């Protein structure tokens, strides 16, 4: 399942971070690492961006970036 498909407030574990080059590197630097628990806490009115909670902090990411993240 992709992170972008995850229902609000349902916590899952990150399995794979797809993407290439600087985009994948940027996601990993933000703490989006396989094995980390993550959940979507809010979605903007038009569906983009998403507010996610991981490692004790909130992070706003684009829906297109969330589609690159696979969760269990």
N, C-alpha and C. Protein backbone atom coordinates (compact mmCIF):
# COMPACT_ATOMS: atom_id res chain seq x y z
N UNK A 1 0.85 -1.18 0.00
CA UNK A 1 0.00 0.00 0.00
C UNK A 1 0.89 1.24 0.00
N UNK A 2 0.50 2.24 -0.76
CA UNK A 2 1.25 3.49 -0.81
C UNK A 2 0.81 4.39 0.35
N UNK A 3 1.71 5.22 0.82
CA UNK A 3 1.40 6.14 1.91
C UNK A 3 0.24 7.06 1.52
N UNK A 4 0.16 7.46 0.27
CA UNK A 4 -0.90 8.36 -0.18
C UNK A 4 -2.29 7.72 -0.08
N UNK A 5 -2.37 6.38 0.01
CA UNK A 5 -3.63 5.66 0.11
C UNK A 5 -4.03 5.37 1.55
N UNK A 6 -3.16 5.67 2.50
CA UNK A 6 -3.39 5.36 3.91
C UNK A 6 -4.49 6.24 4.50
N UNK A 7 -5.46 5.64 5.21
CA UNK A 7 -6.50 6.44 5.87
C UNK A 7 -5.90 7.33 6.96
N UNK A 8 -6.57 8.43 7.24
CA UNK A 8 -6.09 9.38 8.26
C UNK A 8 -6.06 8.69 9.62
N UNK A 9 -5.00 8.96 10.38
CA UNK A 9 -4.76 8.46 11.74
C UNK A 9 -4.56 6.95 11.85
N UNK A 10 -4.26 6.28 10.76
CA UNK A 10 -3.92 4.86 10.81
C UNK A 10 -2.40 4.72 10.69
N UNK A 11 -1.78 4.20 11.73
CA UNK A 11 -0.32 4.11 11.76
C UNK A 11 0.16 2.83 11.08
N UNK A 12 1.18 2.98 10.25
CA UNK A 12 1.78 1.86 9.54
C UNK A 12 3.29 1.99 9.58
N UNK A 13 3.98 0.93 9.19
CA UNK A 13 5.44 0.92 9.13
C UNK A 13 5.89 1.09 7.69
N UNK A 14 6.89 1.93 7.48
CA UNK A 14 7.43 2.14 6.14
C UNK A 14 8.21 0.90 5.71
N UNK A 15 7.91 0.41 4.51
CA UNK A 15 8.60 -0.75 3.97
C UNK A 15 9.68 -0.35 2.97
N UNK A 16 9.30 0.47 1.99
CA UNK A 16 10.21 0.83 0.91
C UNK A 16 10.06 2.31 0.59
N UNK A 17 11.18 2.98 0.36
CA UNK A 17 11.18 4.36 -0.14
C UNK A 17 11.69 4.30 -1.57
N UNK A 18 10.78 4.48 -2.52
CA UNK A 18 11.14 4.45 -3.95
C UNK A 18 11.63 5.82 -4.38
N UNK A 19 11.85 5.98 -5.65
CA UNK A 19 12.37 7.24 -6.16
C UNK A 19 13.85 7.09 -6.46
N UNK A 20 14.39 8.11 -7.11
CA UNK A 20 15.80 8.03 -7.47
C UNK A 20 16.50 9.35 -7.19
N UNK A 21 17.80 9.26 -7.05
CA UNK A 21 18.63 10.45 -6.92
C UNK A 21 18.31 11.33 -5.74
N UNK A 22 18.26 12.62 -6.02
CA UNK A 22 18.11 13.61 -4.95
C UNK A 22 16.75 13.53 -4.27
N UNK A 23 15.71 13.12 -4.99
CA UNK A 23 14.38 13.00 -4.37
C UNK A 23 14.39 11.93 -3.28
N UNK A 24 14.91 10.75 -3.58
CA UNK A 24 14.97 9.67 -2.58
C UNK A 24 15.87 10.08 -1.43
N UNK A 25 16.98 10.71 -1.74
CA UNK A 25 17.91 11.16 -0.70
C UNK A 25 17.24 12.18 0.23
N UNK A 26 16.45 13.09 -0.34
CA UNK A 26 15.75 14.10 0.46
C UNK A 26 14.73 13.44 1.39
N UNK A 27 13.99 12.45 0.90
CA UNK A 27 13.02 11.75 1.73
C UNK A 27 13.70 11.03 2.89
N UNK A 28 14.82 10.37 2.60
CA UNK A 28 15.56 9.67 3.66
C UNK A 28 16.11 10.65 4.69
N UNK A 29 16.59 11.81 4.25
CA UNK A 29 17.11 12.82 5.18
C UNK A 29 16.03 13.38 6.10
N UNK A 30 14.78 13.38 5.63
CA UNK A 30 13.67 13.88 6.46
C UNK A 30 13.22 12.84 7.48
N UNK A 31 13.84 11.66 7.48
CA UNK A 31 13.51 10.64 8.46
C UNK A 31 12.55 9.59 7.95
N UNK A 32 12.23 9.64 6.67
CA UNK A 32 11.33 8.65 6.08
C UNK A 32 12.20 7.46 5.68
N UNK A 33 12.40 6.58 6.66
CA UNK A 33 13.33 5.46 6.53
C UNK A 33 12.57 4.16 6.75
N UNK A 34 12.84 3.11 5.97
CA UNK A 34 12.17 1.82 6.20
C UNK A 34 12.29 1.38 7.66
N UNK A 35 11.17 0.87 8.20
CA UNK A 35 11.12 0.44 9.59
C UNK A 35 10.53 1.48 10.53
N UNK A 36 10.33 2.71 10.04
CA UNK A 36 9.79 3.79 10.86
C UNK A 36 8.26 3.78 10.82
N UNK A 37 7.63 4.02 11.97
CA UNK A 37 6.17 4.14 12.05
C UNK A 37 5.78 5.51 11.52
N UNK A 38 4.70 5.56 10.71
CA UNK A 38 4.25 6.80 10.11
C UNK A 38 2.72 6.80 10.03
N UNK A 39 2.11 7.97 10.16
CA UNK A 39 0.66 8.08 9.95
C UNK A 39 0.33 9.45 9.40
N UNK A 40 -0.73 9.52 8.61
CA UNK A 40 -1.22 10.79 8.07
C UNK A 40 -2.15 11.39 9.12
N UNK A 41 -1.88 12.63 9.52
CA UNK A 41 -2.72 13.28 10.52
C UNK A 41 -3.71 14.27 9.91
N UNK A 42 -3.35 14.89 8.79
CA UNK A 42 -4.25 15.84 8.13
C UNK A 42 -3.99 15.82 6.63
N UNK A 43 -5.04 16.20 5.88
CA UNK A 43 -4.93 16.34 4.43
C UNK A 43 -5.48 17.70 4.06
N UNK A 44 -4.79 18.43 3.21
CA UNK A 44 -5.26 19.74 2.76
C UNK A 44 -6.60 19.58 2.03
N UNK A 45 -7.39 20.64 1.97
CA UNK A 45 -8.72 20.56 1.34
C UNK A 45 -8.72 20.01 -0.09
N UNK A 46 -7.71 20.31 -0.87
CA UNK A 46 -7.66 19.80 -2.24
C UNK A 46 -6.86 18.51 -2.35
N UNK A 47 -6.46 17.93 -1.20
CA UNK A 47 -5.77 16.65 -1.19
C UNK A 47 -4.25 16.71 -1.25
N UNK A 48 -3.70 17.91 -1.32
CA UNK A 48 -2.25 18.05 -1.42
C UNK A 48 -1.84 19.34 -0.74
N UNK A 49 -0.95 19.38 0.20
CA UNK A 49 -0.06 18.33 0.72
C UNK A 49 -0.72 17.52 1.85
N UNK A 50 0.05 16.54 2.34
CA UNK A 50 -0.35 15.69 3.45
C UNK A 50 0.51 16.03 4.66
N UNK A 51 -0.09 16.03 5.83
CA UNK A 51 0.66 16.23 7.07
C UNK A 51 0.82 14.87 7.71
N UNK A 52 2.07 14.44 7.88
CA UNK A 52 2.35 13.12 8.46
C UNK A 52 3.07 13.27 9.79
N UNK A 53 2.89 12.27 10.64
CA UNK A 53 3.56 12.24 11.95
C UNK A 53 4.50 11.04 11.95
N UNK A 54 5.78 11.30 12.24
CA UNK A 54 6.76 10.24 12.36
C UNK A 54 7.88 10.70 13.27
N UNK A 55 8.47 9.78 14.00
CA UNK A 55 9.61 10.06 14.88
C UNK A 55 9.39 11.25 15.82
N UNK A 56 8.13 11.48 16.23
CA UNK A 56 7.83 12.54 17.19
C UNK A 56 7.67 13.93 16.60
N UNK A 57 7.61 14.07 15.29
CA UNK A 57 7.40 15.39 14.70
C UNK A 57 6.44 15.31 13.52
N UNK A 58 5.91 16.46 13.13
CA UNK A 58 4.99 16.56 12.00
C UNK A 58 5.77 17.01 10.77
N UNK A 59 5.41 16.48 9.62
CA UNK A 59 6.09 16.77 8.37
C UNK A 59 5.06 16.90 7.27
N UNK A 60 5.18 17.91 6.46
CA UNK A 60 4.28 18.11 5.34
C UNK A 60 4.97 17.64 4.07
N UNK A 61 4.32 16.71 3.34
CA UNK A 61 4.89 16.21 2.10
C UNK A 61 3.85 16.25 0.98
N UNK A 62 4.34 16.34 -0.23
CA UNK A 62 3.45 16.33 -1.39
C UNK A 62 2.85 14.94 -1.59
N UNK A 63 1.67 14.92 -2.17
CA UNK A 63 1.02 13.65 -2.44
C UNK A 63 1.85 12.82 -3.42
N UNK A 64 2.48 13.48 -4.38
CA UNK A 64 3.32 12.75 -5.35
C UNK A 64 4.51 12.08 -4.66
N UNK A 65 5.03 12.72 -3.61
CA UNK A 65 6.12 12.10 -2.84
C UNK A 65 5.59 10.94 -2.00
N UNK A 66 4.38 11.09 -1.46
CA UNK A 66 3.77 10.03 -0.64
C UNK A 66 3.50 8.78 -1.47
N UNK A 67 3.31 8.94 -2.77
CA UNK A 67 3.07 7.78 -3.64
C UNK A 67 4.34 6.95 -3.84
N UNK A 68 5.50 7.51 -3.52
CA UNK A 68 6.76 6.79 -3.64
C UNK A 68 7.09 5.96 -2.39
N UNK A 69 6.30 6.15 -1.34
CA UNK A 69 6.57 5.50 -0.06
C UNK A 69 5.59 4.35 0.13
N UNK A 70 6.11 3.14 0.28
CA UNK A 70 5.26 1.96 0.48
C UNK A 70 5.25 1.61 1.94
N UNK A 71 4.03 1.36 2.48
CA UNK A 71 3.84 0.98 3.88
C UNK A 71 3.18 -0.39 3.92
N UNK A 72 3.28 -1.06 5.08
CA UNK A 72 2.71 -2.40 5.20
C UNK A 72 1.20 -2.37 5.27
